[in-house]
N, C-alpha and C. Protein backbone atom coordinates (compact mmCIF):
# COMPACT_ATOMS: atom_id res chain seq x y z
N MET A 1 -0.25 -17.75 -2.89
CA MET A 1 -0.27 -18.67 -1.96
C MET A 1 -0.38 -18.35 -0.70
N ALA A 2 -1.72 -18.30 -0.16
CA ALA A 2 -2.04 -18.10 1.30
C ALA A 2 -1.25 -18.68 2.36
N THR A 3 -0.77 -17.92 3.42
CA THR A 3 -0.18 -18.34 4.66
C THR A 3 -0.93 -17.76 5.76
N ALA A 4 -0.81 -18.50 6.86
CA ALA A 4 -1.54 -17.99 7.70
C ALA A 4 -0.55 -17.48 9.04
N VAL A 5 -0.78 -16.21 9.48
CA VAL A 5 0.32 -15.40 10.12
C VAL A 5 -0.48 -14.89 11.27
N ARG A 6 0.21 -15.27 12.76
CA ARG A 6 -0.70 -14.73 13.88
C ARG A 6 -0.58 -13.29 13.99
N ILE A 7 -1.32 -12.42 14.14
CA ILE A 7 -1.11 -10.96 14.57
C ILE A 7 -2.17 -10.67 15.69
N SER A 8 -1.49 -9.24 16.37
CA SER A 8 -1.83 -9.24 17.67
C SER A 8 -4.04 -8.70 17.17
N GLU A 9 -4.52 -8.66 17.94
CA GLU A 9 -6.05 -8.71 17.80
C GLU A 9 -6.38 -7.09 17.82
N GLU A 10 -5.34 -6.17 18.27
CA GLU A 10 -5.44 -5.05 18.27
C GLU A 10 -4.95 -4.25 16.62
N LEU A 11 -3.98 -5.13 15.91
CA LEU A 11 -3.56 -4.72 14.70
C LEU A 11 -4.86 -5.23 13.70
N LEU A 12 -5.14 -6.30 14.05
CA LEU A 12 -6.33 -6.85 13.48
C LEU A 12 -7.80 -5.75 13.18
N ASN A 13 -7.88 -5.32 14.37
CA ASN A 13 -8.83 -4.53 14.46
C ASN A 13 -9.00 -3.04 13.82
N GLU A 14 -7.65 -2.75 13.76
CA GLU A 14 -7.21 -1.42 13.11
C GLU A 14 -7.23 -1.90 11.49
N ALA A 15 -6.91 -2.88 11.26
CA ALA A 15 -6.76 -3.15 9.83
C ALA A 15 -8.20 -3.43 9.40
N LYS A 16 -9.18 -3.77 9.93
CA LYS A 16 -10.29 -4.10 9.70
C LYS A 16 -11.05 -2.53 9.25
N ARG A 17 -10.99 -1.62 10.62
CA ARG A 17 -11.18 -0.44 10.50
C ARG A 17 -10.71 0.46 9.18
N PHE A 18 -9.29 0.44 8.83
CA PHE A 18 -8.54 1.08 7.85
C PHE A 18 -9.22 0.62 6.26
N GLY A 19 -9.52 -0.78 6.66
CA GLY A 19 -9.58 -1.55 5.46
C GLY A 19 -11.17 -1.08 5.06
N ARG A 20 -12.13 -1.04 5.67
CA ARG A 20 -13.30 -0.55 5.36
C ARG A 20 -13.42 1.13 4.90
N ILE A 21 -12.57 2.04 5.22
CA ILE A 21 -12.47 3.07 5.02
C ILE A 21 -11.89 3.49 3.69
N ASP A 22 -10.99 2.70 3.42
CA ASP A 22 -10.21 2.59 2.09
C ASP A 22 -10.66 1.32 1.27
N HIS A 23 -11.93 0.73 1.52
CA HIS A 23 -12.50 -0.50 0.60
C HIS A 23 -11.75 -1.49 0.35
N ARG A 24 -10.85 -1.93 1.05
CA ARG A 24 -10.08 -2.92 0.95
C ARG A 24 -10.59 -4.11 2.17
N SER A 25 -10.19 -5.29 1.69
CA SER A 25 -10.38 -6.47 2.45
C SER A 25 -9.33 -6.33 3.58
N LEU A 26 -9.71 -7.37 4.55
CA LEU A 26 -8.83 -7.55 5.79
C LEU A 26 -7.06 -7.78 4.93
N ALA A 27 -7.25 -8.60 4.24
CA ALA A 27 -5.59 -9.11 3.68
C ALA A 27 -5.24 -8.29 2.97
N GLY A 28 -6.38 -7.33 2.21
CA GLY A 28 -5.81 -6.40 1.24
C GLY A 28 -5.19 -5.31 1.85
N GLN A 29 -5.79 -4.90 3.12
CA GLN A 29 -5.02 -3.68 3.97
C GLN A 29 -3.65 -4.12 4.74
N ILE A 30 -3.73 -5.30 5.31
CA ILE A 30 -2.47 -5.88 5.80
C ILE A 30 -1.52 -5.83 4.75
N GLU A 31 -1.61 -6.27 3.62
CA GLU A 31 -0.80 -6.48 2.43
C GLU A 31 -0.21 -5.10 2.17
N HIS A 32 -1.54 -3.80 2.10
CA HIS A 32 -0.85 -2.84 1.59
C HIS A 32 -0.21 -1.81 2.56
N TRP A 33 -0.12 -2.70 4.05
CA TRP A 33 0.75 -1.69 5.22
C TRP A 33 2.12 -2.32 5.03
N ALA A 34 2.03 -3.70 4.47
CA ALA A 34 3.34 -4.29 4.46
C ALA A 34 4.09 -3.72 3.39
N ARG A 35 3.35 -3.67 2.19
CA ARG A 35 3.79 -2.75 1.06
C ARG A 35 4.71 -1.76 1.53
N LEU A 36 3.78 -0.80 2.03
CA LEU A 36 4.11 0.45 2.55
C LEU A 36 5.37 0.55 3.41
N GLY A 37 5.60 -0.31 4.37
CA GLY A 37 6.38 -0.24 5.55
C GLY A 37 7.71 -0.83 4.62
N LYS A 38 7.52 -1.84 3.98
CA LYS A 38 8.48 -2.10 2.99
C LYS A 38 9.39 -0.64 2.34
N CYS A 39 8.71 -0.17 1.74
CA CYS A 39 9.13 1.05 0.77
C CYS A 39 9.83 2.06 1.72
N VAL A 40 8.80 2.62 2.78
CA VAL A 40 9.54 3.21 3.87
C VAL A 40 10.89 2.80 4.41
N GLU A 41 11.20 1.73 4.89
CA GLU A 41 12.37 1.16 4.98
C GLU A 41 13.41 1.18 4.23
N GLU A 42 13.21 1.16 2.95
CA GLU A 42 13.77 1.18 1.77
C GLU A 42 14.30 2.87 1.26
N ASN A 43 13.24 3.52 1.59
CA ASN A 43 13.67 4.83 1.40
C ASN A 43 13.40 5.45 2.46
N PRO A 44 14.48 5.75 3.58
CA PRO A 44 13.89 6.67 4.98
C PRO A 44 13.98 7.77 4.67
N ASP A 45 14.36 8.55 3.38
CA ASP A 45 14.79 10.06 3.40
C ASP A 45 13.27 10.47 2.36
N LEU A 46 12.53 9.60 2.17
CA LEU A 46 11.23 9.98 1.12
C LEU A 46 10.02 10.22 2.31
N PRO A 47 9.17 11.02 2.24
CA PRO A 47 7.71 11.16 2.51
C PRO A 47 6.97 10.49 2.34
N TYR A 48 5.92 9.92 3.28
CA TYR A 48 5.01 9.28 3.10
C TYR A 48 4.35 9.65 1.86
N SER A 49 3.97 10.43 1.72
CA SER A 49 3.08 11.08 0.39
C SER A 49 3.87 10.93 -0.70
N LEU A 50 5.00 10.79 -0.78
CA LEU A 50 5.73 10.85 -2.56
C LEU A 50 5.86 9.08 -2.46
N ILE A 51 6.06 8.32 -1.49
CA ILE A 51 6.03 6.92 -1.62
C ILE A 51 4.52 6.51 -1.90
N LYS A 52 3.55 7.29 -1.37
CA LYS A 52 2.14 6.87 -1.56
C LYS A 52 2.05 7.02 -3.23
N GLU A 53 2.14 8.21 -3.60
CA GLU A 53 1.98 8.84 -5.01
C GLU A 53 2.86 7.85 -5.92
N ILE A 54 4.17 7.22 -5.31
CA ILE A 54 4.47 6.37 -6.54
C ILE A 54 4.16 4.92 -6.28
N LEU A 55 3.40 4.64 -5.20
CA LEU A 55 3.00 3.19 -5.43
C LEU A 55 1.43 3.13 -6.05
N ILE A 56 0.84 4.69 -6.19
CA ILE A 56 0.04 4.79 -6.97
C ILE A 56 0.24 4.54 -8.34
N GLY A 57 1.10 5.13 -8.95
CA GLY A 57 1.78 5.34 -10.05
C GLY A 57 2.30 4.00 -10.61
N LEU A 58 2.48 3.24 -9.49
CA LEU A 58 2.87 2.22 -10.07
C LEU A 58 1.93 1.09 -10.46
N ASP A 59 0.79 0.82 -9.72
CA ASP A 59 -0.24 0.64 -9.95
C ASP A 59 -0.92 0.82 -11.01
N GLU A 60 -1.11 2.16 -11.51
CA GLU A 60 -1.64 2.54 -12.62
C GLU A 60 -1.05 2.19 -13.59
N LEU A 61 0.39 2.22 -13.85
CA LEU A 61 1.18 1.40 -14.78
C LEU A 61 0.57 -0.07 -15.05
N GLU A 62 0.80 -0.73 -13.81
CA GLU A 62 0.30 -2.08 -14.10
C GLU A 62 -1.00 -2.58 -14.88
N GLN A 63 -2.12 -1.52 -14.51
CA GLN A 63 -3.31 -1.61 -14.73
C GLN A 63 -3.54 -1.19 -16.51
N GLY A 64 -2.73 -0.60 -16.88
CA GLY A 64 -2.32 -0.07 -18.24
C GLY A 64 -2.75 1.22 -18.16
N GLU A 65 -2.72 1.84 -17.27
CA GLU A 65 -3.52 3.41 -17.28
C GLU A 65 -2.48 4.68 -17.28
N LYS A 66 -1.50 4.48 -18.26
CA LYS A 66 -0.65 5.30 -18.33
C LYS A 66 -0.26 6.09 -19.82
N THR A 67 0.30 7.33 -19.54
CA THR A 67 0.40 8.17 -20.53
C THR A 67 1.73 8.66 -20.39
N GLU A 68 2.41 9.31 -21.80
CA GLU A 68 3.52 9.79 -21.60
C GLU A 68 3.70 11.22 -21.12
N TYR A 69 4.69 11.30 -20.28
CA TYR A 69 4.95 12.80 -19.76
C TYR A 69 5.71 13.72 -20.59
N LYS A 70 4.92 14.50 -20.92
CA LYS A 70 5.49 15.55 -21.63
C LYS A 70 6.10 16.59 -21.01
N PHE A 71 7.67 16.91 -21.08
CA PHE A 71 8.39 17.87 -20.36
C PHE A 71 8.01 19.21 -20.97
N GLY A 72 8.10 20.51 -20.21
CA GLY A 72 7.76 21.43 -20.47
C GLY A 72 6.21 21.89 -21.00
C-alpha cells in the first residue's frame, strides 16, 4: 500500500542521484535507505559493510539464489 510522505527537497535530490547510480527507482532508493537505517539502529555494533552483505544475502535467499555452506 502506497502512502504519501513529505521529505525535504535535499533528501529527494540525493535519493534521485543515488538511485540512478544503483539503478533504483526513487521510492526504491528511499526504501533501501530506510531498511539500512533500521538495521543500523538495531545493530549499532556491526559495520555498514557487514549489514550490507547480510541484506544482500537475505535478498538472494528470497530470490531462491541459495547454496548450502560447506564448512572446512
